[in-house]
Amino acid sequence: MKDADFSLTPDLLLNAYASGIFPMSEGRDDPEIFWVDPRRRGIIPMDGLRISRSLAKRMRRGGYEVSLNADFAGVVDGCADRPETWINGEIRSQYIALHQMGHAHSLEITVSGRMIGGIYGVSLGAAFFGESMFSSANDGSKLALVHLVDHLRRCGYRLFDTQFLTDHLASLGGIEISRGAYRSQLAIALQYPAGIDAVPLDPSPHSVLQRNAQTSNRG
């Protein structure tokens, strides 16, 4: 669904997410923005995060730092820094505005002060809408996603929306559900309060792995 005759605002974005749709652009130099309402929706069940043996080994090795909202604009720019991107200037500015309002958040992975991966998205009720992630080193985006899902679980979130399902997300436990099933889960999640600052970020890879094992065993 395309429509270039509207002004994107933070309030419009929040209303769109609450309705189950999100904006995209054809490219960084295309000013047109259109709404997307996928027939099949990607999510990561809050109890379904899958950490491979190789990724767990990388986490145990450590040597990286995890931060929350330390460089939101830097994460957005990292996500847009690829040959083809749907993040144009208007989308970038509006999500930075959402971040300043406390509705958009980022998680960063850094090594020796250099960001090697990150993810950002929008928070509404107990739903988190993952927008994009990037990696400039092996496992950078995977580390970011694992640490973010762990933090969201601890903060009481009930829905992690990945919009689409890629092989990359499927390897981490992502699944695809129907539009109707997604809308049902979204309606429930929006009824519950949750906040990204409900608990402090736990940057310990060992703690994340332990909690994920306990969650998987309960399932």
Protein backbone atom coordinates (compact mmCIF):
# COMPACT_ATOMS: atom_id res chain seq x y z
CA MET A 1 0.00 0.00 0.00
CA LYS A 2 1.66 3.22 -1.17
CA ASP A 3 0.77 6.78 -0.28
CA ALA A 4 3.08 9.76 -0.62
CA ASP A 5 0.42 12.29 0.38
CA PHE A 6 0.88 12.23 4.14
CA SER A 7 3.31 13.64 6.66
CA LEU A 8 5.08 11.06 8.79
CA THR A 9 4.98 12.03 12.47
CA PRO A 10 5.83 10.18 15.69
CA ASP A 11 2.14 10.00 16.67
CA LEU A 12 1.22 8.60 13.26
CA LEU A 13 3.94 5.98 13.60
CA LEU A 14 2.71 4.88 17.02
CA ASN A 15 -0.87 4.63 15.78
CA ALA A 16 0.33 2.59 12.81
CA TYR A 17 2.23 0.12 15.00
CA ALA A 18 -0.80 -0.25 17.26
CA SER A 19 -2.80 -1.12 14.13
CA GLY A 20 -0.27 -3.69 12.95
CA ILE A 21 1.35 -1.78 10.08
CA PHE A 22 4.73 -0.13 9.58
CA PRO A 23 6.38 2.24 7.08
CA MET A 24 9.09 1.59 4.50
CA SER A 25 10.71 3.37 1.58
CA GLU A 26 12.04 1.94 -1.68
CA GLY A 27 15.49 3.35 -0.98
CA ARG A 28 17.56 5.94 0.84
CA ASP A 29 17.11 8.48 -1.98
CA ASP A 30 13.39 7.82 -2.52
CA PRO A 31 11.26 10.32 -0.54
CA GLU A 32 8.10 8.23 -0.92
CA ILE A 33 6.95 6.24 2.11
CA PHE A 34 4.44 3.40 2.04
CA TRP A 35 2.71 1.29 4.68
CA VAL A 36 3.30 -2.44 4.95
CA ASP A 37 0.84 -5.00 6.32
CA PRO A 38 2.36 -8.45 5.65
CA ARG A 39 0.05 -11.39 5.11
CA ARG A 40 2.57 -13.54 7.01
CA ARG A 41 4.34 -11.92 9.98
CA GLY A 42 7.68 -12.78 11.50
CA ILE A 43 8.02 -12.97 15.28
CA ILE A 44 10.42 -14.44 17.82
CA PRO A 45 8.39 -16.10 20.59
CA MET A 46 9.60 -14.77 23.92
CA ASP A 47 10.26 -18.34 25.06
CA GLY A 48 11.57 -19.50 21.69
CA LEU A 49 14.97 -17.83 21.32
CA ARG A 50 17.44 -20.34 19.86
CA ILE A 51 21.14 -19.93 20.57
CA SER A 52 23.34 -22.20 18.47
CA ARG A 53 26.37 -23.94 19.95
CA SER A 54 28.71 -21.76 17.93
CA LEU A 55 26.99 -18.56 19.07
CA ALA A 56 26.98 -19.76 22.68
CA LYS A 57 30.70 -20.45 22.38
CA ARG A 58 31.23 -16.93 21.04
CA MET A 59 29.25 -15.49 23.95
CA ARG A 60 31.24 -17.46 26.52
CA ARG A 61 34.45 -16.16 24.98
CA GLY A 62 33.27 -12.63 25.82
CA GLY A 63 35.40 -9.68 24.84
CA TYR A 64 32.48 -7.45 23.89
CA GLU A 65 30.34 -4.86 25.65
CA VAL A 66 26.56 -4.52 25.56
CA SER A 67 24.73 -1.21 25.95
CA LEU A 68 21.18 0.07 25.70
CA ASN A 69 20.32 3.37 23.99
CA ALA A 70 23.96 4.45 23.98
CA ASP A 71 24.03 5.41 20.28
CA PHE A 72 20.56 5.17 18.74
CA ALA A 73 21.41 7.29 15.68
CA GLY A 74 24.59 5.27 15.15
CA VAL A 75 22.62 2.03 15.10
CA VAL A 76 20.09 3.43 12.62
CA ASP A 77 22.94 4.63 10.41
CA GLY A 78 24.62 1.23 10.67
CA CYS A 79 21.40 -0.44 9.55
CA ALA A 80 21.11 1.95 6.59
CA ASP A 81 24.75 1.52 5.56
CA ARG A 82 24.21 -1.13 2.89
CA PRO A 83 23.76 -1.09 -0.89
CA GLU A 84 19.97 -1.34 -0.62
CA THR A 85 18.02 0.08 2.31
CA TRP A 86 14.45 1.13 3.06
CA ILE A 87 15.66 3.76 5.54
CA ASN A 88 15.46 7.17 3.90
CA GLY A 89 16.11 10.55 5.53
CA GLU A 90 12.51 11.04 6.68
CA ILE A 91 12.31 7.62 8.30
CA ARG A 92 15.64 8.23 10.03
CA SER A 93 14.55 11.57 11.46
CA GLN A 94 11.17 10.31 12.64
CA TYR A 95 12.63 7.32 14.46
CA ILE A 96 15.18 9.54 16.15
CA ALA A 97 12.22 11.68 17.26
CA LEU A 98 10.52 8.54 18.59
CA HIS A 99 13.72 7.70 20.46
CA GLN A 100 13.79 11.14 22.03
CA MET A 101 10.18 10.58 23.14
CA GLY A 102 11.14 7.26 24.77
CA HIS A 103 9.34 5.00 22.28
CA ALA A 104 12.28 3.78 20.17
CA HIS A 105 15.32 2.00 21.53
CA SER A 106 18.61 0.54 20.43
CA LEU A 107 21.00 -2.08 21.74
CA GLU A 108 24.66 -1.88 20.81
CA ILE A 109 27.48 -4.42 20.75
CA THR A 110 30.94 -2.90 20.89
CA VAL A 111 34.47 -4.28 20.90
CA SER A 112 37.29 -1.98 22.02
CA GLY A 113 34.99 1.02 21.61
CA ARG A 114 33.90 0.12 18.05
CA MET A 115 30.30 -0.82 17.38
CA ILE A 116 30.22 -4.20 15.60
CA GLY A 117 26.47 -4.80 15.73
CA GLY A 118 23.21 -3.29 16.80
CA ILE A 119 19.45 -3.46 16.63
CA TYR A 120 16.70 -0.87 17.04
CA GLY A 121 12.95 -0.87 17.25
CA VAL A 122 9.80 0.62 18.71
CA SER A 123 8.22 -0.13 22.09
CA LEU A 124 4.49 0.09 22.68
CA GLY A 125 2.78 -1.57 25.63
CA ALA A 126 4.34 -5.01 26.04
CA ALA A 127 5.17 -5.25 22.32
CA PHE A 128 8.55 -4.55 20.79
CA PHE A 129 8.69 -3.99 17.04
CA GLY A 130 12.16 -4.81 15.75
CA GLU A 131 12.94 -2.50 12.85
CA SER A 132 16.40 -3.40 11.67
CA MET A 133 19.77 -4.70 12.78
CA PHE A 134 23.28 -4.65 11.39
CA SER A 135 26.59 -6.39 11.78
CA SER A 136 30.07 -5.20 10.83
CA ALA A 137 31.82 -8.24 12.33
CA ASN A 138 31.00 -11.91 12.72
CA ASP A 139 27.93 -12.50 14.93
CA GLY A 140 27.47 -8.79 15.69
CA SER A 141 23.76 -8.70 14.91
CA LYS A 142 23.16 -12.12 16.47
CA LEU A 143 24.71 -10.98 19.73
CA ALA A 144 22.57 -7.85 19.66
CA LEU A 145 19.38 -9.79 19.07
CA VAL A 146 20.09 -12.39 21.77
CA HIS A 147 20.86 -9.74 24.39
CA LEU A 148 17.82 -7.69 23.41
CA VAL A 149 15.38 -10.61 23.59
CA ASP A 150 16.80 -11.56 26.99
CA HIS A 151 16.36 -8.00 28.24
CA LEU A 152 12.82 -7.72 26.87
CA ARG A 153 11.84 -10.96 28.59
CA ARG A 154 13.16 -9.63 31.89
CA CYS A 155 11.20 -6.39 31.36
CA GLY A 156 7.91 -8.23 30.85
CA TYR A 157 7.45 -7.91 27.09
CA ARG A 158 5.06 -10.38 25.46
CA LEU A 159 5.62 -9.86 21.73
CA PHE A 160 8.78 -9.45 19.68
CA ASP A 161 7.80 -8.52 16.14
CA THR A 162 10.46 -9.03 13.44
CA GLN A 163 8.10 -7.94 10.62
CA PHE A 164 9.43 -10.50 8.13
CA LEU A 165 11.10 -13.89 8.61
CA THR A 166 14.57 -14.31 7.13
CA ASP A 167 16.86 -17.33 7.31
CA HIS A 168 18.99 -15.31 9.73
CA LEU A 169 16.03 -14.78 12.09
CA ALA A 170 14.78 -18.34 11.69
CA SER A 171 18.17 -19.62 12.86
CA LEU A 172 17.58 -17.68 16.09
CA GLY A 173 14.11 -19.07 16.69
CA GLY A 174 12.02 -16.79 14.51
CA ILE A 175 8.76 -18.16 13.17
CA GLU A 176 6.07 -16.97 10.78
CA ILE A 177 2.43 -16.55 11.77
CA SER A 178 -0.67 -15.38 9.95
CA ARG A 179 -1.79 -11.76 9.93
CA GLY A 180 -4.79 -12.70 12.06
CA ALA A 181 -2.69 -14.54 14.65
CA TYR A 182 -0.31 -11.59 14.78
CA ARG A 183 -3.14 -9.12 15.32
CA SER A 184 -4.45 -11.25 18.18
CA GLN A 185 -1.03 -11.38 19.87
CA LEU A 186 -0.57 -7.65 19.31
CA ALA A 187 -3.94 -6.79 20.87
CA ILE A 188 -3.04 -8.77 23.99
CA ALA A 189 0.47 -7.28 24.25
CA LEU A 190 -0.85 -3.74 23.98
CA GLN A 191 -3.03 -4.29 27.04
CA TYR A 192 -0.01 -4.83 29.29
CA PRO A 193 2.47 -2.24 30.51
CA ALA A 194 6.16 -2.88 29.94
CA GLY A 195 9.17 -0.63 29.85
CA ILE A 196 12.65 -1.03 28.47
CA ASP A 197 13.98 0.41 31.76
CA ALA A 198 11.93 -1.88 34.02
CA VAL A 199 15.14 -3.67 35.02
CA PRO A 200 18.78 -2.77 34.43
CA LEU A 201 20.44 -4.30 31.38
CA ASP A 202 22.40 -7.42 32.33
CA PRO A 203 25.40 -7.47 29.97
CA SER A 204 26.73 -10.82 31.21
CA PRO A 205 26.78 -13.40 28.39
CA HIS A 206 26.85 -16.22 30.94
CA SER A 207 23.70 -14.95 32.66
CA VAL A 208 21.92 -14.62 29.31
CA LEU A 209 22.84 -18.18 28.36
CA GLN A 210 21.73 -19.52 31.74
CA ARG A 211 18.37 -17.77 31.61
CA ASN A 212 17.77 -18.88 28.04
CA ALA A 213 18.50 -22.50 28.97
CA GLN A 214 16.04 -22.28 31.85
CA THR A 215 13.37 -20.76 29.59
CA SER A 216 13.92 -23.44 26.95
CA ASN A 217 13.68 -26.20 29.55
CA ARG A 218 10.35 -24.83 30.81
CA GLY A 219 9.05 -24.89 27.25
